[in-house]
Structures are given as structure tokens and as C-alpha cells.
């Protein structure tokens, strides 16, 4: 179906001290690391060639993943010598994007099973890049109120009136014209493309799809439980 570029060069500051010696993509989610979950997901949709865009603790990522053969994929590496941000990291991989477009781009801190194919299909006409959206899950419980009375409580509901960036993108080579030398695509490239009507957006409801960003030690504890529940439900348990 194409190739995937995984953004894995960041410091993982929100997960310190866990990331002081371990790059974020190698943190464990149950019995597998974040990147192993991602590789299985991408492979399930026919993506077998993966480029890791690495910087911080890159040697550990390369040592852990190698050629990708043990995971049934082909893995190559694009190294940034200094922090470039997500936009700069992609610009650093221009030789890949220009020759192998369209490409799937994935943030290295998500666990998901969304189908990337609709993103690729959306790259038509003026659309240079397309982003996956998932509904916002409230980090807090919500109180339903009537007048001055509390009527009911909902624990961390999914707010389907609000959609957030899922960290999964499809891009054509034309995106290279809008990537910064340093900086993040969320603050530079995407707002520019959106203003020009060149940024697509595909909504993925959850469920049926699973999506979660790994932002805290609590996420590392909760995601394996959610995945086990999801697997049990699929098996009719």
C-alpha cells in the first residue's frame, strides 16, 4: 500500500524519568513496545516498509529494531543530528517523500488500529496532506445538570462534537514545499495548508477503531487493559 514514516526523534519529556535512558517508542505497552504495536498495525494494512525518523537515543532504537526482519517488515533510518521538530524531521526525509509518495506519517507516541487507506484515497485534486481525526475523550468526568440540580454523571465520556488530531497523516510530495527546516507541522505546515484549502481530514470514530496517545505513565498502565478488553470483546469473551 505504500510506506510509513514514524516520527521518533523527540525527547519524550512528559514521560520523564522513564525516557531519560529509553526512547519513547521503546517504552512497554504490556508485553510489546509502542513501536512494536505500531509495526503490527501498519503491517496489518499492507505497509511493510517503514522509515524511522530518529534523533534522541537513536542508537537504542536502531539496536532494538535492526532491519525489521524479525517483525516481518523492512526498516530504514533517517537520522537528525539536532532536534528539528516534526516538520524539520520530515524535511530531513525529503528524499523519501519525493520518491515514494504518497506516504503515511505516524507520530511515534500513539497506539491505534485505524485504517490509513481512506487518508491515502483523500489525496486528490488540491489536497496535499490529509490528517486522521478521532473524537475527543474528556480527561474528566462530566456532570449532567438541570437548573441547579446535578442529575447524572458520566465518567470521561467521548465528546463526538469535538475532533482532535490523531497523529496519523497521508502526504504527497508537494508537502515538501511547506515544511520548515525546524519546527512542528502542527504549528507551521498544517495551518498553512488549511488556510489554502489543501488539508484533508478524515474522521475515525472510536469505537469501532481504537486510538490512544501515550502521554503519561498512567497511559502505559491503562492501554494494555483497554487492548485486552478489546481483544476479549472481539473474541466474544
Protein backbone atom coordinates (compact mmCIF):
# COMPACT_ATOMS: atom_id res chain seq x y z
CA UNK A 1 0.00 0.00 0.00
CA UNK A 2 2.96 2.29 0.39
CA UNK A 3 5.48 3.26 3.03
CA UNK A 4 5.25 4.75 6.50
CA UNK A 5 7.44 7.31 8.22
CA UNK A 6 7.43 7.17 12.02
CA UNK A 7 8.32 10.36 13.89
CA UNK A 8 10.53 9.06 16.69
CA UNK A 9 13.13 11.75 17.31
CA UNK A 10 11.64 13.54 20.32
CA UNK A 11 12.81 13.61 23.93
CA UNK A 12 9.57 12.30 25.47
CA UNK A 13 9.76 14.96 28.18
CA UNK A 14 6.25 14.31 29.51
CA UNK A 15 7.26 10.74 30.35
CA UNK A 16 10.44 11.52 32.25
CA UNK A 17 12.17 9.92 34.11
CA UNK A 18 11.15 6.87 32.05
CA UNK A 19 12.58 8.42 28.88
CA UNK A 20 15.90 9.55 30.33
CA UNK A 21 17.50 6.31 29.14
CA UNK A 22 14.77 4.80 26.96
CA UNK A 23 13.38 6.44 23.81
CA UNK A 24 9.64 6.84 23.94
CA UNK A 25 8.90 4.37 21.12
CA UNK A 26 10.61 1.62 23.14
CA UNK A 27 8.50 2.07 26.27
CA UNK A 28 6.47 -1.06 27.04
CA UNK A 29 2.74 -1.32 26.43
CA UNK A 30 2.07 -4.68 28.03
CA UNK A 31 4.38 -7.28 26.50
CA UNK A 32 5.28 -5.12 23.49
CA UNK A 33 6.83 -1.72 22.96
CA UNK A 34 4.94 1.19 21.44
CA UNK A 35 6.76 0.77 18.13
CA UNK A 36 6.04 -2.97 18.05
CA UNK A 37 2.34 -2.21 18.37
CA UNK A 38 2.70 0.30 15.54
CA UNK A 39 4.58 -2.12 13.30
CA UNK A 40 1.87 -4.77 13.76
CA UNK A 41 -0.82 -2.21 12.97
CA UNK A 42 0.90 -0.93 9.83
CA UNK A 43 1.71 -4.44 8.63
CA UNK A 44 -1.95 -5.45 9.05
CA UNK A 45 -2.80 -2.84 6.39
CA UNK A 46 -0.13 -3.97 3.95
CA UNK A 47 2.59 -1.48 4.89
CA UNK A 48 5.83 -3.41 5.11
CA UNK A 49 8.41 -0.65 4.53
CA UNK A 50 8.95 1.70 7.45
CA UNK A 51 11.32 4.61 7.85
CA UNK A 52 12.14 5.60 11.42
CA UNK A 53 12.91 9.32 11.76
CA UNK A 54 15.19 9.25 14.77
CA UNK A 55 17.33 11.59 16.85
CA UNK A 56 17.29 11.26 20.65
CA UNK A 57 18.75 7.90 21.78
CA UNK A 58 18.73 6.77 18.17
CA UNK A 59 21.28 4.03 18.80
CA UNK A 60 18.89 2.22 21.11
CA UNK A 61 16.09 2.33 18.54
CA UNK A 62 18.37 1.01 15.81
CA UNK A 63 19.69 -1.73 18.09
CA UNK A 64 16.18 -2.80 19.11
CA UNK A 65 14.61 -2.85 15.66
CA UNK A 66 17.53 -3.56 13.33
CA UNK A 67 16.45 -4.28 9.77
CA UNK A 68 12.91 -5.07 10.83
CA UNK A 69 13.19 -8.66 9.62
CA UNK A 70 12.19 -10.15 12.97
CA UNK A 71 8.98 -8.10 12.77
CA UNK A 72 8.22 -9.04 9.17
CA UNK A 73 8.94 -5.56 7.76
CA UNK A 74 11.79 -3.58 6.22
CA UNK A 75 13.06 -0.77 8.45
CA UNK A 76 15.40 2.04 7.45
CA UNK A 77 16.51 5.07 9.46
CA UNK A 78 16.74 8.80 8.82
CA UNK A 79 18.85 10.50 11.49
CA UNK A 80 18.61 14.10 12.62
CA UNK A 81 21.82 15.45 14.15
CA UNK A 82 19.95 18.07 16.18
CA UNK A 83 16.30 18.44 17.25
CA UNK A 84 14.29 19.52 14.21
CA UNK A 85 10.68 19.15 15.31
CA UNK A 86 8.16 17.09 13.36
CA UNK A 87 8.27 19.39 10.34
CA UNK A 88 12.04 19.51 10.22
CA UNK A 89 12.26 15.74 10.63
CA UNK A 90 10.02 15.26 7.60
CA UNK A 91 12.01 17.79 5.59
CA UNK A 92 15.10 15.79 6.55
CA UNK A 93 13.39 12.82 4.89
CA UNK A 94 12.61 14.71 1.67
CA UNK A 95 14.49 12.15 -0.43
CA UNK A 96 12.00 9.50 0.69
CA UNK A 97 8.83 11.55 0.37
CA UNK A 98 9.74 12.85 -3.07
CA UNK A 99 10.41 9.38 -4.48
CA UNK A 100 7.92 7.19 -2.63
CA UNK A 101 4.82 9.36 -2.26
CA UNK A 102 2.13 9.12 -1.17
CA UNK A 103 3.38 8.24 2.30
CA UNK A 104 1.77 7.58 5.66
CA UNK A 105 3.28 9.57 8.53
CA UNK A 106 2.77 8.46 12.13
CA UNK A 107 3.58 10.10 15.45
CA UNK A 108 5.71 7.72 17.48
CA UNK A 109 3.59 8.07 20.62
CA UNK A 110 0.23 6.60 19.62
CA UNK A 111 -1.35 3.16 19.79
CA UNK A 112 -4.13 2.65 17.26
CA UNK A 113 -5.72 0.37 14.69
CA UNK A 114 -7.37 2.97 12.44
CA UNK A 115 -7.43 2.22 8.73
CA UNK A 116 -4.95 4.52 6.91
CA UNK A 117 -6.32 3.75 3.45
CA UNK A 118 -9.04 6.45 3.47
CA UNK A 119 -6.32 9.01 4.14
CA UNK A 120 -4.43 7.94 1.04
CA UNK A 121 -7.59 7.95 -1.06
CA UNK A 122 -8.33 11.52 0.03
CA UNK A 123 -5.16 12.86 -1.64
CA UNK A 124 -6.89 14.14 -4.75
CA UNK A 125 -7.03 17.46 -6.55
CA UNK A 126 -5.76 20.25 -4.33
CA UNK A 127 -5.29 18.08 -1.24
CA UNK A 128 -1.58 17.94 -0.38
CA UNK A 129 -1.92 16.23 3.00
CA UNK A 130 -4.69 14.63 4.99
CA UNK A 131 -4.98 14.11 8.73
CA UNK A 132 -6.82 11.47 10.74
CA UNK A 133 -9.24 12.79 13.35
CA UNK A 134 -10.65 10.98 16.39
CA UNK A 135 -13.31 12.20 18.81
CA UNK A 136 -12.11 13.92 21.94
CA UNK A 137 -12.29 11.85 25.11
CA UNK A 138 -12.80 14.07 28.12
CA UNK A 139 -9.99 13.73 30.68
CA UNK A 140 -12.59 14.36 33.38
CA UNK A 141 -15.96 13.02 34.41
CA UNK A 142 -18.91 15.09 33.19
CA UNK A 143 -21.89 16.15 35.29
CA UNK A 144 -25.31 16.48 33.62
CA UNK A 145 -27.14 19.46 35.13
CA UNK A 146 -30.74 20.63 35.06
CA UNK A 147 -31.12 24.09 36.54
CA UNK A 148 -29.39 23.93 39.91
CA UNK A 149 -29.58 20.14 40.20
CA UNK A 150 -26.97 17.55 39.32
CA UNK A 151 -28.85 14.78 37.51
CA UNK A 152 -26.24 12.26 36.37
CA UNK A 153 -22.56 11.57 35.98
CA UNK A 154 -20.60 10.28 33.00
CA UNK A 155 -17.04 9.08 33.56
CA UNK A 156 -14.67 10.53 30.94
CA UNK A 157 -17.13 10.42 28.04
CA UNK A 158 -16.21 10.62 24.37
CA UNK A 159 -17.22 14.07 23.11
CA UNK A 160 -18.21 13.44 19.50
CA UNK A 161 -18.86 17.12 18.79
CA UNK A 162 -15.10 17.71 19.04
CA UNK A 163 -12.43 16.08 16.87
CA UNK A 164 -8.69 16.02 17.54
CA UNK A 165 -5.58 15.31 15.51
CA UNK A 166 -4.83 11.57 15.78
CA UNK A 167 -1.19 11.85 14.69
CA UNK A 168 -1.66 9.80 11.52
CA UNK A 169 -1.27 11.55 8.15
CA UNK A 170 -1.06 10.91 4.44
CA UNK A 171 1.13 13.19 2.34
CA UNK A 172 2.06 13.85 -1.26
CA UNK A 173 5.46 15.14 -2.34
CA UNK A 174 4.04 18.67 -2.70
CA UNK A 175 4.02 18.90 1.10
CA UNK A 176 7.79 19.40 0.94
CA UNK A 177 7.23 22.95 -0.28
CA UNK A 178 5.55 23.76 3.04
CA UNK A 179 7.79 22.01 5.57
CA UNK A 180 10.01 24.13 7.86
CA UNK A 181 13.70 23.49 8.35
CA UNK A 182 12.88 23.41 12.07
CA UNK A 183 9.51 23.36 13.74
CA UNK A 184 6.39 21.25 14.10
CA UNK A 185 3.93 20.55 11.30
CA UNK A 186 1.03 21.15 13.68
CA UNK A 187 2.12 24.77 14.12
CA UNK A 188 3.52 25.51 10.66
CA UNK A 189 2.58 23.27 7.75
CA UNK A 190 -0.95 22.25 8.67
CA UNK A 191 -2.31 25.74 9.44
CA UNK A 192 -0.86 26.97 6.15
CA UNK A 193 -2.37 24.12 4.14
CA UNK A 194 -5.71 24.50 5.92
CA UNK A 195 -5.83 28.20 5.02
CA UNK A 196 -5.28 27.25 1.37
CA UNK A 197 -7.92 24.53 1.35
CA UNK A 198 -5.23 21.90 0.78
CA UNK A 199 -5.53 19.90 4.02
CA UNK A 200 -7.91 16.95 4.08
CA UNK A 201 -9.45 15.50 7.24
CA UNK A 202 -10.89 12.02 7.75
CA UNK A 203 -12.92 11.20 10.86
CA UNK A 204 -12.41 7.84 12.58
CA UNK A 205 -14.93 7.06 15.28
CA UNK A 206 -13.78 5.21 18.41
CA UNK A 207 -15.14 2.58 18.55
CA UNK A 208 -15.02 0.78 16.12
CA UNK A 209 -11.43 1.95 15.96
CA UNK A 210 -9.00 2.15 18.87
CA UNK A 211 -6.78 5.15 19.45
CA UNK A 212 -4.82 6.49 22.36
CA UNK A 213 -1.85 8.77 22.77
CA UNK A 214 0.89 7.84 25.23
CA UNK A 215 1.43 10.99 27.27
CA UNK A 216 1.93 9.80 30.84
CA UNK A 217 2.86 6.74 32.93
CA UNK A 218 -0.87 6.29 33.53
CA UNK A 219 -1.36 5.70 29.80
CA UNK A 220 1.28 2.96 29.90
CA UNK A 221 -0.75 1.22 32.60
CA UNK A 222 -4.22 1.72 31.10
CA UNK A 223 -3.62 0.94 27.42
CA UNK A 224 -2.79 -2.78 27.96
CA UNK A 225 -6.04 -3.18 29.93
CA UNK A 226 -8.03 -1.47 27.18
CA UNK A 227 -6.40 -3.61 24.49
CA UNK A 228 -7.11 -6.78 26.50
CA UNK A 229 -10.75 -5.78 26.92
CA UNK A 230 -10.98 -5.02 23.24
CA UNK A 231 -9.47 -8.38 22.29
CA UNK A 232 -11.79 -10.14 24.71
CA UNK A 233 -14.81 -8.41 23.26
CA UNK A 234 -13.74 -9.35 19.74
CA UNK A 235 -13.42 -12.96 20.84
CA UNK A 236 -16.85 -12.90 22.42
CA UNK A 237 -15.48 -13.30 25.94
